[in-house]
């Protein structure tokens, strides 16, 4: 038997990107799609991390992952860009600077 729980409980137990963060990420994504570099994406909201995965082709592993880890906010920064091999390419407190976007 499946067990269900209210959606309000779901949102309180997971990390997710907020609307302004998604606007920054999707703006970059749109530019990269127009350039022919990226083709697909996936979003995961987990207990300790939210992940925006970028794919060159749908059936492949992600070429980049943009992660949000609020527990690292006061240490290394809550945002990180992770490469295909799992190596952290850039980490910081400001999403735009981590993504290399100039204001």
PDB file of N, CA and C in Angstrom:
ATOM      1  N   UNK A   1       0.838  -1.179   0.000  1.00  0.00           N
ATOM      2  CA  UNK A   1       0.000   0.000   0.000  1.00  0.00           C
ATOM      3  C   UNK A   1       0.884   1.244   0.000  1.00  0.00           C
ATOM      4  N   UNK A   2       0.571   2.189  -0.844  1.00  0.00           N
ATOM      5  CA  UNK A   2       1.316   3.446  -0.901  1.00  0.00           C
ATOM      6  C   UNK A   2       0.900   4.352   0.236  1.00  0.00           C
ATOM      7  N   UNK A   3       1.871   5.087   0.753  1.00  0.00           N
ATOM      8  CA  UNK A   3       1.533   6.071   1.779  1.00  0.00           C
ATOM      9  C   UNK A   3       1.762   7.455   1.191  1.00  0.00           C
ATOM     10  N   UNK A   4       0.845   8.342   1.448  1.00  0.00           N
ATOM     11  CA  UNK A   4       0.918   9.701   0.939  1.00  0.00           C
ATOM     12  C   UNK A   4       1.048  10.671   2.095  1.00  0.00           C
ATOM     13  N   UNK A   5       1.676  11.792   1.825  1.00  0.00           N
ATOM     14  CA  UNK A   5       1.761  12.829   2.846  1.00  0.00           C
ATOM     15  C   UNK A   5       1.449  14.163   2.190  1.00  0.00           C
ATOM     16  N   UNK A   6       0.970  15.106   2.956  1.00  0.00           N
ATOM     17  CA  UNK A   6       0.581  16.397   2.376  1.00  0.00           C
ATOM     18  C   UNK A   6       1.770  17.099   1.718  1.00  0.00           C
ATOM     19  N   UNK A   7       1.499  17.817   0.641  1.00  0.00           N
ATOM     20  CA  UNK A   7       2.546  18.521  -0.088  1.00  0.00           C
ATOM     21  C   UNK A   7       3.216  19.576   0.788  1.00  0.00           C
ATOM     22  N   UNK A   8       2.514  20.144   1.751  1.00  0.00           N
ATOM     23  CA  UNK A   8       3.113  21.146   2.636  1.00  0.00           C
ATOM     24  C   UNK A   8       4.247  20.543   3.454  1.00  0.00           C
ATOM     25  N   UNK A   9       4.151  19.287   3.833  1.00  0.00           N
ATOM     26  CA  UNK A   9       5.235  18.602   4.549  1.00  0.00           C
ATOM     27  C   UNK A   9       6.424  18.354   3.636  1.00  0.00           C
ATOM     28  N   UNK A  10       6.168  18.101   2.365  1.00  0.00           N
ATOM     29  CA  UNK A  10       7.231  17.850   1.401  1.00  0.00           C
ATOM     30  C   UNK A  10       8.144  19.063   1.283  1.00  0.00           C
ATOM     31  N   UNK A  11       7.568  20.236   1.142  1.00  0.00           N
ATOM     32  CA  UNK A  11       8.358  21.443   0.940  1.00  0.00           C
ATOM     33  C   UNK A  11       9.194  21.816   2.153  1.00  0.00           C
ATOM     34  N   UNK A  12       8.765  21.454   3.328  1.00  0.00           N
ATOM     35  CA  UNK A  12       9.533  21.826   4.518  1.00  0.00           C
ATOM     36  C   UNK A  12      10.721  20.896   4.752  1.00  0.00           C
ATOM     37  N   UNK A  13      10.750  19.758   4.082  1.00  0.00           N
ATOM     38  CA  UNK A  13      11.801  18.773   4.321  1.00  0.00           C
ATOM     39  C   UNK A  13      12.884  18.747   3.251  1.00  0.00           C
ATOM     40  N   UNK A  14      12.774  19.557   2.210  1.00  0.00           N
ATOM     41  CA  UNK A  14      13.741  19.514   1.120  1.00  0.00           C
ATOM     42  C   UNK A  14      14.294  20.906   0.827  1.00  0.00           C
ATOM     43  N   UNK A  15      15.452  20.919   0.196  1.00  0.00           N
ATOM     44  CA  UNK A  15      16.067  22.162  -0.261  1.00  0.00           C
ATOM     45  C   UNK A  15      15.626  22.376  -1.700  1.00  0.00           C
ATOM     46  N   UNK A  16      15.271  23.590  -2.031  1.00  0.00           N
ATOM     47  CA  UNK A  16      14.883  23.886  -3.414  1.00  0.00           C
ATOM     48  C   UNK A  16      15.390  25.263  -3.805  1.00  0.00           C
ATOM     49  N   UNK A  17      15.465  25.487  -5.111  1.00  0.00           N
ATOM     50  CA  UNK A  17      15.849  26.788  -5.623  1.00  0.00           C
ATOM     51  C   UNK A  17      14.654  27.731  -5.505  1.00  0.00           C
ATOM     52  N   UNK A  18      14.919  28.957  -5.115  1.00  0.00           N
ATOM     53  CA  UNK A  18      13.879  29.983  -5.051  1.00  0.00           C
ATOM     54  C   UNK A  18      13.723  30.610  -6.433  1.00  0.00           C
ATOM     55  N   UNK A  19      12.651  31.337  -6.635  1.00  0.00           N
ATOM     56  CA  UNK A  19      12.343  31.927  -7.942  1.00  0.00           C
ATOM     57  C   UNK A  19      13.468  32.817  -8.475  1.00  0.00           C
ATOM     58  N   UNK A  20      14.070  33.721  -7.670  1.00  0.00           N
ATOM     59  CA  UNK A  20      15.169  34.543  -8.199  1.00  0.00           C
ATOM     60  C   UNK A  20      16.394  33.713  -8.606  1.00  0.00           C
ATOM     61  N   UNK A  21      16.668  32.649  -7.870  1.00  0.00           N
ATOM     62  CA  UNK A  21      17.793  31.771  -8.209  1.00  0.00           C
ATOM     63  C   UNK A  21      17.521  31.050  -9.526  1.00  0.00           C
ATOM     64  N   UNK A  22      16.305  30.557  -9.690  1.00  0.00           N
ATOM     65  CA  UNK A  22      15.948  29.879 -10.946  1.00  0.00           C
ATOM     66  C   UNK A  22      15.983  30.837 -12.127  1.00  0.00           C
ATOM     67  N   UNK A  23      15.620  32.092 -11.894  1.00  0.00           N
ATOM     68  CA  UNK A  23      15.675  33.079 -12.982  1.00  0.00           C
ATOM     69  C   UNK A  23      17.099  33.257 -13.479  1.00  0.00           C
ATOM     70  N   UNK A  24      18.064  33.318 -12.569  1.00  0.00           N
ATOM     71  CA  UNK A  24      19.475  33.454 -12.941  1.00  0.00           C
ATOM     72  C   UNK A  24      19.943  32.207 -13.699  1.00  0.00           C
ATOM     73  N   UNK A  25      19.628  31.046 -13.161  1.00  0.00           N
ATOM     74  CA  UNK A  25      20.066  29.787 -13.770  1.00  0.00           C
ATOM     75  C   UNK A  25      19.433  29.596 -15.149  1.00  0.00           C
ATOM     76  N   UNK A  26      18.130  29.840 -15.256  1.00  0.00           N
ATOM     77  CA  UNK A  26      17.444  29.630 -16.533  1.00  0.00           C
ATOM     78  C   UNK A  26      17.850  30.658 -17.584  1.00  0.00           C
ATOM     79  N   UNK A  27      18.241  31.840 -17.160  1.00  0.00           N
ATOM     80  CA  UNK A  27      18.767  32.834 -18.098  1.00  0.00           C
ATOM     81  C   UNK A  27      20.067  32.325 -18.738  1.00  0.00           C
ATOM     82  N   UNK A  28      20.968  31.821 -17.903  1.00  0.00           N
ATOM     83  CA  UNK A  28      22.208  31.227 -18.406  1.00  0.00           C
ATOM     84  C   UNK A  28      21.896  30.011 -19.287  1.00  0.00           C
ATOM     85  N   UNK A  29      20.974  29.175 -18.841  1.00  0.00           N
ATOM     86  CA  UNK A  29      20.600  27.988 -19.597  1.00  0.00           C
ATOM     87  C   UNK A  29      20.090  28.366 -20.990  1.00  0.00           C
ATOM     88  N   UNK A  30      19.252  29.382 -21.061  1.00  0.00           N
ATOM     89  CA  UNK A  30      18.710  29.833 -22.349  1.00  0.00           C
ATOM     90  C   UNK A  30      19.801  30.296 -23.301  1.00  0.00           C
ATOM     91  N   UNK A  31      20.774  31.037 -22.758  1.00  0.00           N
ATOM     92  CA  UNK A  31      21.886  31.494 -23.605  1.00  0.00           C
ATOM     93  C   UNK A  31      22.711  30.312 -24.105  1.00  0.00           C
ATOM     94  N   UNK A  32      22.943  29.327 -23.259  1.00  0.00           N
ATOM     95  CA  UNK A  32      23.743  28.167 -23.657  1.00  0.00           C
ATOM     96  C   UNK A  32      22.997  27.269 -24.650  1.00  0.00           C
ATOM     97  N   UNK A  33      21.685  27.178 -24.521  1.00  0.00           N
ATOM     98  CA  UNK A  33      20.886  26.421 -25.496  1.00  0.00           C
ATOM     99  C   UNK A  33      20.943  27.121 -26.851  1.00  0.00           C
ATOM    100  N   UNK A  34      20.816  28.451 -26.841  1.00  0.00           N
ATOM    101  CA  UNK A  34      20.885  29.213 -28.091  1.00  0.00           C
ATOM    102  C   UNK A  34      22.246  29.057 -28.768  1.00  0.00           C
ATOM    103  N   UNK A  35      23.299  28.890 -27.962  1.00  0.00           N
ATOM    104  CA  UNK A  35      24.645  28.696 -28.503  1.00  0.00           C
ATOM    105  C   UNK A  35      24.883  27.247 -28.944  1.00  0.00           C
ATOM    106  N   UNK A  36      23.937  26.355 -28.648  1.00  0.00           N
ATOM    107  CA  UNK A  36      24.058  24.954 -29.040  1.00  0.00           C
ATOM    108  C   UNK A  36      24.907  24.111 -28.102  1.00  0.00           C
ATOM    109  N   UNK A  37      25.238  24.624 -26.931  1.00  0.00           N
ATOM    110  CA  UNK A  37      26.095  23.903 -25.986  1.00  0.00           C
ATOM    111  C   UNK A  37      25.304  22.954 -25.087  1.00  0.00           C
ATOM    112  N   UNK A  38      24.141  23.386 -24.646  1.00  0.00           N
ATOM    113  CA  UNK A  38      23.313  22.598 -23.734  1.00  0.00           C
ATOM    114  C   UNK A  38      21.993  22.264 -24.410  1.00  0.00           C
ATOM    115  N   UNK A  39      21.407  21.113 -24.019  1.00  0.00           N
ATOM    116  CA  UNK A  39      20.163  20.707 -24.666  1.00  0.00           C
ATOM    117  C   UNK A  39      19.043  20.334 -23.707  1.00  0.00           C
ATOM    118  N   UNK A  40      19.380  19.950 -22.492  1.00  0.00           N
ATOM    119  CA  UNK A  40      18.349  19.486 -21.559  1.00  0.00           C
ATOM    120  C   UNK A  40      18.791  19.780 -20.142  1.00  0.00           C
ATOM    121  N   UNK A  41      17.841  19.746 -19.213  1.00  0.00           N
ATOM    122  CA  UNK A  41      18.174  19.949 -17.808  1.00  0.00           C
ATOM    123  C   UNK A  41      17.248  19.131 -16.926  1.00  0.00           C
ATOM    124  N   UNK A  42      17.647  18.983 -15.682  1.00  0.00           N
ATOM    125  CA  UNK A  42      16.834  18.310 -14.682  1.00  0.00           C
ATOM    126  C   UNK A  42      17.025  19.014 -13.351  1.00  0.00           C
ATOM    127  N   UNK A  43      15.983  19.038 -12.547  1.00  0.00           N
ATOM    128  CA  UNK A  43      16.051  19.669 -11.239  1.00  0.00           C
ATOM    129  C   UNK A  43      15.717  18.630 -10.178  1.00  0.00           C
ATOM    130  N   UNK A  44      16.558  18.547  -9.161  1.00  0.00           N
ATOM    131  CA  UNK A  44      16.328  17.641  -8.037  1.00  0.00           C
ATOM    132  C   UNK A  44      16.288  18.449  -6.755  1.00  0.00           C
ATOM    133  N   UNK A  45      15.294  18.178  -5.925  1.00  0.00           N
ATOM    134  CA  UNK A  45      15.188  18.808  -4.611  1.00  0.00           C
ATOM    135  C   UNK A  45      15.275  17.703  -3.573  1.00  0.00           C
ATOM    136  N   UNK A  46      16.395  17.664  -2.869  1.00  0.00           N
ATOM    137  CA  UNK A  46      16.646  16.617  -1.895  1.00  0.00           C
ATOM    138  C   UNK A  46      16.681  17.192  -0.486  1.00  0.00           C
ATOM    139  N   UNK A  47      16.961  16.354   0.479  1.00  0.00           N
ATOM    140  CA  UNK A  47      16.919  16.790   1.872  1.00  0.00           C
ATOM    141  C   UNK A  47      17.993  17.825   2.205  1.00  0.00           C
ATOM    142  N   UNK A  48      19.198  17.704   1.658  1.00  0.00           N
ATOM    143  CA  UNK A  48      20.279  18.619   1.994  1.00  0.00           C
ATOM    144  C   UNK A  48      20.792  19.430   0.812  1.00  0.00           C
ATOM    145  N   UNK A  49      20.308  19.146  -0.384  1.00  0.00           N
ATOM    146  CA  UNK A  49      20.841  19.822  -1.567  1.00  0.00           C
ATOM    147  C   UNK A  49      19.776  19.929  -2.662  1.00  0.00           C
ATOM    148  N   UNK A  50      19.819  21.052  -3.378  1.00  0.00           N
ATOM    149  CA  UNK A  50      19.023  21.216  -4.598  1.00  0.00           C
ATOM    150  C   UNK A  50      20.013  21.204  -5.752  1.00  0.00           C
ATOM    151  N   UNK A  51      19.680  20.477  -6.819  1.00  0.00           N
ATOM    152  CA  UNK A  51      20.605  20.308  -7.938  1.00  0.00           C
ATOM    153  C   UNK A  51      19.905  20.655  -9.254  1.00  0.00           C
ATOM    154  N   UNK A  52      20.571  21.499 -10.041  1.00  0.00           N
ATOM    155  CA  UNK A  52      20.148  21.791 -11.414  1.00  0.00           C
ATOM    156  C   UNK A  52      21.185  21.117 -12.302  1.00  0.00           C
ATOM    157  N   UNK A  53      20.811  20.040 -12.972  1.00  0.00           N
ATOM    158  CA  UNK A  53      21.734  19.279 -13.813  1.00  0.00           C
ATOM    159  C   UNK A  53      21.586  19.712 -15.266  1.00  0.00           C
ATOM    160  N   UNK A  54      22.712  19.868 -15.945  1.00  0.00           N
ATOM    161  CA  UNK A  54      22.736  20.308 -17.341  1.00  0.00           C
ATOM    162  C   UNK A  54      23.268  19.169 -18.210  1.00  0.00           C
ATOM    163  N   UNK A  55      22.551  18.897 -19.300  1.00  0.00           N
ATOM    164  CA  UNK A  55      22.912  17.803 -20.188  1.00  0.00           C
ATOM    165  C   UNK A  55      23.207  18.320 -21.593  1.00  0.00           C
ATOM    166  N   UNK A  56      24.198  17.719 -22.226  1.00  0.00           N
ATOM    167  CA  UNK A  56      24.463  18.019 -23.638  1.00  0.00           C
ATOM    168  C   UNK A  56      23.492  17.228 -24.511  1.00  0.00           C
ATOM    169  N   UNK A  57      23.196  15.997 -24.087  1.00  0.00           N
ATOM    170  CA  UNK A  57      22.185  15.162 -24.729  1.00  0.00           C
ATOM    171  C   UNK A  57      21.360  14.526 -23.623  1.00  0.00           C
ATOM    172  N   UNK A  58      20.119  14.266 -23.900  1.00  0.00           N
ATOM    173  CA  UNK A  58      19.190  13.784 -22.882  1.00  0.00           C
ATOM    174  C   UNK A  58      19.628  12.466 -22.255  1.00  0.00           C
ATOM    175  N   UNK A  59      20.171  11.556 -23.020  1.00  0.00           N
ATOM    176  CA  UNK A  59      20.481  10.220 -22.526  1.00  0.00           C
ATOM    177  C   UNK A  59      21.840  10.114 -21.837  1.00  0.00           C
ATOM    178  N   UNK A  60      22.550  11.210 -21.688  1.00  0.00           N
ATOM    179  CA  UNK A  60      23.890  11.165 -21.098  1.00  0.00           C
ATOM    180  C   UNK A  60      23.873  11.576 -19.638  1.00  0.00           C
ATOM    181  N   UNK A  61      25.042  11.483 -19.016  1.00  0.00           N
ATOM    182  CA  UNK A  61      25.226  12.014 -17.677  1.00  0.00           C
ATOM    183  C   UNK A  61      25.307  13.531 -17.769  1.00  0.00           C
ATOM    184  N   UNK A  62      24.970  14.234 -16.689  1.00  0.00           N
ATOM    185  CA  UNK A  62      25.046  15.693 -16.748  1.00  0.00           C
ATOM    186  C   UNK A  62      26.489  16.173 -16.926  1.00  0.00           C
ATOM    187  N   UNK A  63      26.668  17.224 -17.739  1.00  0.00           N
ATOM    188  CA  UNK A  63      28.003  17.778 -17.925  1.00  0.00           C
ATOM    189  C   UNK A  63      28.337  18.758 -16.802  1.00  0.00           C
ATOM    190  N   UNK A  64      27.307  19.368 -16.222  1.00  0.00           N
ATOM    191  CA  UNK A  64      27.482  20.251 -15.074  1.00  0.00           C
ATOM    192  C   UNK A  64      26.318  20.065 -14.121  1.00  0.00           C
ATOM    193  N   UNK A  65      26.582  20.304 -12.854  1.00  0.00           N
ATOM    194  CA  UNK A  65      25.527  20.357 -11.849  1.00  0.00           C
ATOM    195  C   UNK A  65      25.712  21.648 -11.068  1.00  0.00           C
ATOM    196  N   UNK A  66      24.644  22.399 -10.932  1.00  0.00           N
ATOM    197  CA  UNK A  66      24.655  23.602 -10.108  1.00  0.00           C
ATOM    198  C   UNK A  66      23.965  23.204  -8.812  1.00  0.00           C
ATOM    199  N   UNK A  67      24.703  23.277  -7.708  1.00  0.00           N
ATOM    200  CA  UNK A  67      24.192  22.805  -6.431  1.00  0.00           C
ATOM    201  C   UNK A  67      23.970  23.951  -5.451  1.00  0.00           C
ATOM    202  N   UNK A  68      22.940  23.783  -4.637  1.00  0.00           N
ATOM    203  CA  UNK A  68      22.662  24.705  -3.536  1.00  0.00           C
ATOM    204  C   UNK A  68      22.642  23.872  -2.261  1.00  0.00           C
ATOM    205  N   UNK A  69      23.584  24.167  -1.369  1.00  0.00           N
ATOM    206  CA  UNK A  69      23.683  23.470  -0.086  1.00  0.00           C
ATOM    207  C   UNK A  69      23.647  24.507   1.040  1.00  0.00           C
ATOM    208  N   UNK A  70      22.465  24.787   1.590  1.00  0.00           N
ATOM    209  CA  UNK A  70      22.340  25.819   2.618  1.00  0.00           C
ATOM    210  C   UNK A  70      23.201  25.590   3.860  1.00  0.00           C
ATOM    211  N   UNK A  71      23.529  24.352   4.188  1.00  0.00           N
ATOM    212  CA  UNK A  71      24.361  24.093   5.364  1.00  0.00           C
ATOM    213  C   UNK A  71      25.774  24.660   5.214  1.00  0.00           C
ATOM    214  N   UNK A  72      26.218  24.911   3.973  1.00  0.00           N
ATOM    215  CA  UNK A  72      27.550  25.464   3.739  1.00  0.00           C
ATOM    216  C   UNK A  72      27.526  26.989   3.593  1.00  0.00           C
ATOM    217  N   UNK A  73      26.383  27.602   3.850  1.00  0.00           N
ATOM    218  CA  UNK A  73      26.220  29.048   3.676  1.00  0.00           C
ATOM    219  C   UNK A  73      27.271  29.844   4.456  1.00  0.00           C
ATOM    220  N   UNK A  74      27.541  29.471   5.677  1.00  0.00           N
ATOM    221  CA  UNK A  74      28.471  30.228   6.518  1.00  0.00           C
ATOM    222  C   UNK A  74      29.916  29.763   6.392  1.00  0.00           C
ATOM    223  N   UNK A  75      30.171  28.762   5.609  1.00  0.00           N
ATOM    224  CA  UNK A  75      31.532  28.252   5.440  1.00  0.00           C
ATOM    225  C   UNK A  75      32.064  28.612   4.060  1.00  0.00           C
ATOM    226  N   UNK A  76      31.919  27.693   3.120  1.00  0.00           N
ATOM    227  CA  UNK A  76      32.496  27.844   1.786  1.00  0.00           C
ATOM    228  C   UNK A  76      31.559  28.546   0.814  1.00  0.00           C
ATOM    229  N   UNK A  77      30.321  28.671   1.169  1.00  0.00           N
ATOM    230  CA  UNK A  77      29.315  29.222   0.266  1.00  0.00           C
ATOM    231  C   UNK A  77      28.336  28.145  -0.131  1.00  0.00           C
ATOM    232  N   UNK A  78      27.080  28.525  -0.265  1.00  0.00           N
ATOM    233  CA  UNK A  78      26.054  27.507  -0.511  1.00  0.00           C
ATOM    234  C   UNK A  78      25.912  27.082  -1.967  1.00  0.00           C
ATOM    235  N   UNK A  79      26.521  27.810  -2.903  1.00  0.00           N
ATOM    236  CA  UNK A  79      26.400  27.479  -4.326  1.00  0.00           C
ATOM    237  C   UNK A  79      27.691  26.862  -4.849  1.00  0.00           C
ATOM    238  N   UNK A  80      27.541  25.891  -5.747  1.00  0.00           N
ATOM    239  CA  UNK A  80      28.718  25.262  -6.355  1.00  0.00           C
ATOM    240  C   UNK A  80      28.372  24.789  -7.766  1.00  0.00           C
ATOM    241  N   UNK A  81      29.385  24.821  -8.626  1.00  0.00           N
ATOM    242  CA  UNK A  81      29.275  24.223  -9.953  1.00  0.00           C
ATOM    243  C   UNK A  81      30.178  22.995  -9.938  1.00  0.00           C
ATOM    244  N   UNK A  82      29.592  21.850 -10.254  1.00  0.00           N
ATOM    245  CA  UNK A  82      30.299  20.573 -10.196  1.00  0.00           C
ATOM    246  C   UNK A  82      30.417  20.022 -11.615  1.00  0.00           C
ATOM    247  N   UNK A  83      31.613  19.570 -11.982  1.00  0.00           N
ATOM    248  CA  UNK A  83      31.853  19.009 -13.303  1.00  0.00           C
ATOM    249  C   UNK A  83      31.366  17.581 -13.429  1.00  0.00           C
ATOM    250  N   UNK A  84      31.515  17.031 -14.623  1.00  0.00           N
ATOM    251  CA  UNK A  84      31.043  15.678 -14.926  1.00  0.00           C
ATOM    252  C   UNK A  84      31.733  14.613 -14.077  1.00  0.00           C
ATOM    253  N   UNK A  85      32.976  14.891 -13.672  1.00  0.00           N
ATOM    254  CA  UNK A  85      33.738  13.932 -12.872  1.00  0.00           C
ATOM    255  C   UNK A  85      33.528  14.107 -11.376  1.00  0.00           C
ATOM    256  N   UNK A  86      32.648  15.040 -10.971  1.00  0.00           N
ATOM    257  CA  UNK A  86      32.372  15.265  -9.562  1.00  0.00           C
ATOM    258  C   UNK A  86      33.257  16.309  -8.912  1.00  0.00           C
ATOM    259  N   UNK A  87      34.172  16.862  -9.672  1.00  0.00           N
ATOM    260  CA  UNK A  87      35.073  17.880  -9.138  1.00  0.00           C
ATOM    261  C   UNK A  87      34.339  19.213  -9.038  1.00  0.00           C
ATOM    262  N   UNK A  88      34.514  19.898  -7.897  1.00  0.00           N
ATOM    263  CA  UNK A  88      33.907  21.210  -7.712  1.00  0.00           C
ATOM    264  C   UNK A  88      34.724  22.222  -8.499  1.00  0.00           C
ATOM    265  N   UNK A  89      34.092  22.847  -9.493  1.00  0.00           N
ATOM    266  CA  UNK A  89      34.776  23.799 -10.361  1.00  0.00           C
ATOM    267  C   UNK A  89      34.796  25.199  -9.757  1.00  0.00           C
ATOM    268  N   UNK A  90      33.717  25.551  -9.061  1.00  0.00           N
ATOM    269  CA  UNK A  90      33.652  26.857  -8.419  1.00  0.00           C
ATOM    270  C   UNK A  90      32.628  26.797  -7.293  1.00  0.00           C
ATOM    271  N   UNK A  91      32.924  27.488  -6.200  1.00  0.00           N
ATOM    272  CA  UNK A  91      32.027  27.523  -5.050  1.00  0.00           C
ATOM    273  C   UNK A  91      32.004  28.944  -4.519  1.00  0.00           C
ATOM    274  N   UNK A  92      30.865  29.363  -3.992  1.00  0.00           N
ATOM    275  CA  UNK A  92      30.798  30.705  -3.430  1.00  0.00           C
ATOM    276  C   UNK A  92      29.460  31.026  -2.799  1.00  0.00           C
ATOM    277  N   UNK A  93      29.366  32.273  -2.333  1.00  0.00           N
ATOM    278  CA  UNK A  93      28.170  32.746  -1.648  1.00  0.00           C
ATOM    279  C   UNK A  93      27.174  33.408  -2.587  1.00  0.00           C
ATOM    280  N   UNK A  94      27.627  33.876  -3.751  1.00  0.00           N
ATOM    281  CA  UNK A  94      26.778  34.585  -4.700  1.00  0.00           C
ATOM    282  C   UNK A  94      26.595  33.735  -5.958  1.00  0.00           C
ATOM    283  N   UNK A  95      25.361  33.419  -6.295  1.00  0.00           N
ATOM    284  CA  UNK A  95      25.077  32.535  -7.428  1.00  0.00           C
ATOM    285  C   UNK A  95      25.599  33.102  -8.744  1.00  0.00           C
ATOM    286  N   UNK A  96      25.414  34.390  -8.974  1.00  0.00           N
ATOM    287  CA  UNK A  96      25.867  34.987 -10.239  1.00  0.00           C
ATOM    288  C   UNK A  96      27.381  34.891 -10.395  1.00  0.00           C
ATOM    289  N   UNK A  97      28.117  35.125  -9.333  1.00  0.00           N
ATOM    290  CA  UNK A  97      29.582  35.042  -9.455  1.00  0.00           C
ATOM    291  C   UNK A  97      30.038  33.595  -9.621  1.00  0.00           C
ATOM    292  N   UNK A  98      29.349  32.667  -8.986  1.00  0.00           N
ATOM    293  CA  UNK A  98      29.699  31.239  -9.149  1.00  0.00           C
ATOM    294  C   UNK A  98      29.461  30.783 -10.582  1.00  0.00           C
ATOM    295  N   UNK A  99      28.400  31.316 -11.196  1.00  0.00           N
ATOM    296  CA  UNK A  99      28.089  30.956 -12.580  1.00  0.00           C
ATOM    297  C   UNK A  99      28.891  31.768 -13.594  1.00  0.00           C
ATOM    298  N   UNK A 100      29.645  32.757 -13.115  1.00  0.00           N
ATOM    299  CA  UNK A 100      30.455  33.559 -14.019  1.00  0.00           C
ATOM    300  C   UNK A 100      29.660  34.607 -14.764  1.00  0.00           C
ATOM    301  N   UNK A 101      28.553  35.057 -14.181  1.00  0.00           N
ATOM    302  CA  UNK A 101      27.711  36.071 -14.811  1.00  0.00           C
ATOM    303  C   UNK A 101      28.114  37.426 -14.272  1.00  0.00           C
ATOM    304  N   UNK A 102      28.393  38.348 -15.181  1.00  0.00           N
ATOM    305  CA  UNK A 102      28.750  39.716 -14.770  1.00  0.00           C
ATOM    306  C   UNK A 102      27.488  40.549 -14.634  1.00  0.00           C
ATOM    307  N   UNK A 103      27.431  41.319 -13.569  1.00  0.00           N
ATOM    308  CA  UNK A 103      26.238  42.138 -13.300  1.00  0.00           C
ATOM    309  C   UNK A 103      26.159  43.364 -14.160  1.00  0.00           C
TER     310      UNK A 103
END
